[in-house]
Amino acid sequence: MRTCSNCIHSSVSLIGEQANGTLMCRARPPTPFAVLVPKAEGMAVQAITLWPQVNKDDHCGLHQMSVH
């Protein structure tokens, strides 16, 4: 079956909430986000990037079977 659990683009994160078994899809570049961060001078914008989170049973048209 073509699910994220056996795709070469999926990887397990070991940090934060993703450590609970949620996979990250790396088929495409990470998505950039802007986050407001408090500074002594006021607020500043910090850019971060995140890989999309997927579940192991999700289906995708970019699926490529991993070789074990």
N, C-alpha and C. Protein backbone atom coordinates (compact mmCIF):
# COMPACT_ATOMS: atom_id res chain seq x y z
N MET A 1 0.83 -1.17 0.00
CA MET A 1 0.00 0.00 0.00
C MET A 1 0.88 1.24 0.00
N ARG A 2 0.50 2.28 -0.70
CA ARG A 2 1.29 3.49 -0.83
C ARG A 2 0.94 4.50 0.26
N THR A 3 1.52 4.31 1.42
CA THR A 3 1.28 5.22 2.54
C THR A 3 2.60 5.85 2.98
N CYS A 4 2.50 6.88 3.80
CA CYS A 4 3.69 7.57 4.29
C CYS A 4 4.60 6.68 5.12
N SER A 5 4.08 5.64 5.70
CA SER A 5 4.90 4.78 6.56
C SER A 5 5.98 4.03 5.78
N ASN A 6 5.80 3.84 4.47
CA ASN A 6 6.82 3.13 3.68
C ASN A 6 7.34 3.96 2.51
N CYS A 7 7.34 5.28 2.67
CA CYS A 7 7.79 6.19 1.62
C CYS A 7 9.19 6.72 1.95
N ILE A 8 10.02 6.89 0.93
CA ILE A 8 11.38 7.40 1.15
C ILE A 8 11.39 8.86 1.58
N HIS A 9 10.30 9.59 1.35
CA HIS A 9 10.25 11.01 1.69
C HIS A 9 9.85 11.26 3.15
N SER A 10 9.39 10.26 3.86
CA SER A 10 8.94 10.48 5.23
C SER A 10 10.06 10.16 6.22
N SER A 11 10.09 10.94 7.30
CA SER A 11 11.08 10.70 8.35
C SER A 11 10.44 11.02 9.69
N VAL A 12 10.94 10.40 10.73
CA VAL A 12 10.43 10.59 12.08
C VAL A 12 11.20 11.72 12.74
N SER A 13 10.47 12.61 13.39
CA SER A 13 11.11 13.68 14.14
C SER A 13 11.31 13.23 15.58
N LEU A 14 12.39 13.65 16.18
CA LEU A 14 12.68 13.28 17.55
C LEU A 14 12.55 14.47 18.50
N ILE A 15 11.95 15.56 18.04
CA ILE A 15 11.82 16.75 18.87
C ILE A 15 10.37 17.16 19.05
N GLY A 16 10.07 17.77 20.18
CA GLY A 16 8.76 18.36 20.44
C GLY A 16 7.60 17.41 20.30
N GLU A 17 6.48 17.97 19.87
CA GLU A 17 5.24 17.20 19.73
C GLU A 17 5.35 16.14 18.65
N GLN A 18 6.26 16.31 17.69
CA GLN A 18 6.40 15.35 16.60
C GLN A 18 7.02 14.05 17.07
N ALA A 19 7.59 14.03 18.25
CA ALA A 19 8.24 12.82 18.75
C ALA A 19 7.24 11.71 19.07
N ASN A 20 5.95 12.01 19.01
CA ASN A 20 4.92 11.02 19.33
C ASN A 20 4.63 10.06 18.18
N GLY A 21 5.43 10.10 17.12
CA GLY A 21 5.22 9.17 16.01
C GLY A 21 4.73 9.83 14.74
N THR A 22 4.47 11.13 14.78
CA THR A 22 4.08 11.84 13.57
C THR A 22 5.28 11.89 12.63
N LEU A 23 5.04 11.73 11.36
CA LEU A 23 6.11 11.76 10.36
C LEU A 23 6.21 13.14 9.74
N MET A 24 7.36 13.43 9.16
CA MET A 24 7.54 14.65 8.39
C MET A 24 7.74 14.26 6.94
N CYS A 25 7.02 14.94 6.04
CA CYS A 25 7.15 14.66 4.61
C CYS A 25 8.23 15.57 4.03
N ARG A 26 9.24 14.97 3.42
CA ARG A 26 10.34 15.73 2.83
C ARG A 26 10.36 15.62 1.31
N ALA A 27 9.19 15.41 0.72
CA ALA A 27 9.10 15.31 -0.73
C ALA A 27 9.33 16.67 -1.38
N ARG A 28 8.99 17.73 -0.68
CA ARG A 28 9.16 19.10 -1.17
C ARG A 28 9.90 19.90 -0.10
N PRO A 29 10.42 21.08 -0.47
CA PRO A 29 11.14 21.90 0.52
C PRO A 29 10.23 22.28 1.70
N PRO A 30 10.83 22.57 2.86
CA PRO A 30 10.03 22.97 4.02
C PRO A 30 9.29 24.29 3.77
N THR A 31 8.19 24.48 4.47
CA THR A 31 7.37 25.67 4.33
C THR A 31 7.88 26.76 5.28
N PRO A 32 8.15 27.98 4.75
CA PRO A 32 8.61 29.06 5.63
C PRO A 32 7.45 29.72 6.37
N PHE A 33 7.71 30.11 7.61
CA PHE A 33 6.74 30.82 8.44
C PHE A 33 7.43 32.00 9.10
N ALA A 34 6.67 33.06 9.38
CA ALA A 34 7.18 34.19 10.15
C ALA A 34 6.55 34.14 11.54
N VAL A 35 7.38 34.27 12.58
CA VAL A 35 6.92 34.22 13.95
C VAL A 35 7.36 35.50 14.66
N LEU A 36 6.44 36.12 15.40
CA LEU A 36 6.79 37.30 16.19
C LEU A 36 7.48 36.88 17.48
N VAL A 37 8.62 37.49 17.75
CA VAL A 37 9.41 37.16 18.92
C VAL A 37 9.61 38.44 19.74
N PRO A 38 9.31 38.40 21.06
CA PRO A 38 9.52 39.60 21.87
C PRO A 38 11.01 39.90 22.06
N LYS A 39 11.37 41.14 21.89
CA LYS A 39 12.75 41.62 22.10
C LYS A 39 12.70 42.81 23.05
N ALA A 40 13.83 43.25 23.54
CA ALA A 40 13.90 44.40 24.43
C ALA A 40 13.38 45.66 23.73
N GLU A 41 13.58 45.78 22.42
CA GLU A 41 13.14 46.94 21.65
C GLU A 41 11.69 46.83 21.18
N GLY A 42 11.02 45.74 21.46
CA GLY A 42 9.65 45.49 20.98
C GLY A 42 9.55 44.10 20.39
N MET A 43 8.82 43.98 19.31
CA MET A 43 8.64 42.69 18.65
C MET A 43 9.55 42.62 17.42
N ALA A 44 10.05 41.42 17.13
CA ALA A 44 10.86 41.17 15.94
C ALA A 44 10.30 39.95 15.22
N VAL A 45 10.52 39.91 13.94
CA VAL A 45 10.06 38.78 13.12
C VAL A 45 11.20 37.79 12.96
N GLN A 46 10.92 36.53 13.23
CA GLN A 46 11.90 35.47 13.03
C GLN A 46 11.33 34.49 12.01
N ALA A 47 12.11 34.20 11.00
CA ALA A 47 11.67 33.25 9.97
C ALA A 47 12.10 31.85 10.37
N ILE A 48 11.17 30.90 10.28
CA ILE A 48 11.48 29.50 10.53
C ILE A 48 10.90 28.67 9.39
N THR A 49 11.39 27.46 9.23
CA THR A 49 10.86 26.57 8.21
C THR A 49 10.43 25.26 8.87
N LEU A 50 9.36 24.70 8.36
CA LEU A 50 8.82 23.46 8.90
C LEU A 50 8.51 22.49 7.77
N TRP A 51 8.82 21.23 8.00
CA TRP A 51 8.40 20.18 7.07
C TRP A 51 6.94 19.86 7.37
N PRO A 52 6.12 19.59 6.36
CA PRO A 52 4.72 19.22 6.61
C PRO A 52 4.64 17.94 7.46
N GLN A 53 3.72 17.92 8.41
CA GLN A 53 3.49 16.73 9.23
C GLN A 53 2.46 15.84 8.56
N VAL A 54 2.72 14.55 8.58
CA VAL A 54 1.81 13.57 7.99
C VAL A 54 1.65 12.40 8.96
N ASN A 55 0.59 11.67 8.78
CA ASN A 55 0.37 10.45 9.56
C ASN A 55 0.86 9.25 8.76
N LYS A 56 1.19 8.18 9.44
CA LYS A 56 1.77 7.02 8.76
C LYS A 56 0.81 6.38 7.75
N ASP A 57 -0.50 6.56 7.90
CA ASP A 57 -1.47 5.96 6.99
C ASP A 57 -1.94 6.91 5.89
N ASP A 58 -1.37 8.12 5.80
CA ASP A 58 -1.75 9.07 4.76
C ASP A 58 -1.29 8.57 3.40
N HIS A 59 -2.02 8.97 2.35
CA HIS A 59 -1.69 8.61 0.97
C HIS A 59 -1.18 9.86 0.25
N CYS A 60 -0.28 9.69 -0.73
CA CYS A 60 0.29 10.82 -1.45
C CYS A 60 0.62 10.41 -2.88
N GLY A 61 0.44 11.33 -3.80
CA GLY A 61 0.76 11.07 -5.20
C GLY A 61 2.27 11.07 -5.48
N LEU A 62 3.08 11.56 -4.56
CA LEU A 62 4.52 11.59 -4.73
C LEU A 62 5.21 10.41 -4.07
N HIS A 63 4.45 9.43 -3.66
CA HIS A 63 4.97 8.27 -2.92
C HIS A 63 6.03 7.54 -3.72
N GLN A 64 7.15 7.24 -3.06
CA GLN A 64 8.19 6.37 -3.61
C GLN A 64 8.55 5.37 -2.53
N MET A 65 8.46 4.11 -2.86
CA MET A 65 8.69 3.04 -1.89
C MET A 65 10.12 3.08 -1.37
N SER A 66 10.25 2.96 -0.05
CA SER A 66 11.59 2.90 0.53
C SER A 66 12.10 1.48 0.45
N VAL A 67 13.42 1.34 0.38
CA VAL A 67 14.05 0.03 0.29
C VAL A 67 14.68 -0.26 1.65
N HIS A 68 14.32 -1.37 2.27
CA HIS A 68 14.88 -1.75 3.58
C HIS A 68 15.81 -2.91 3.43
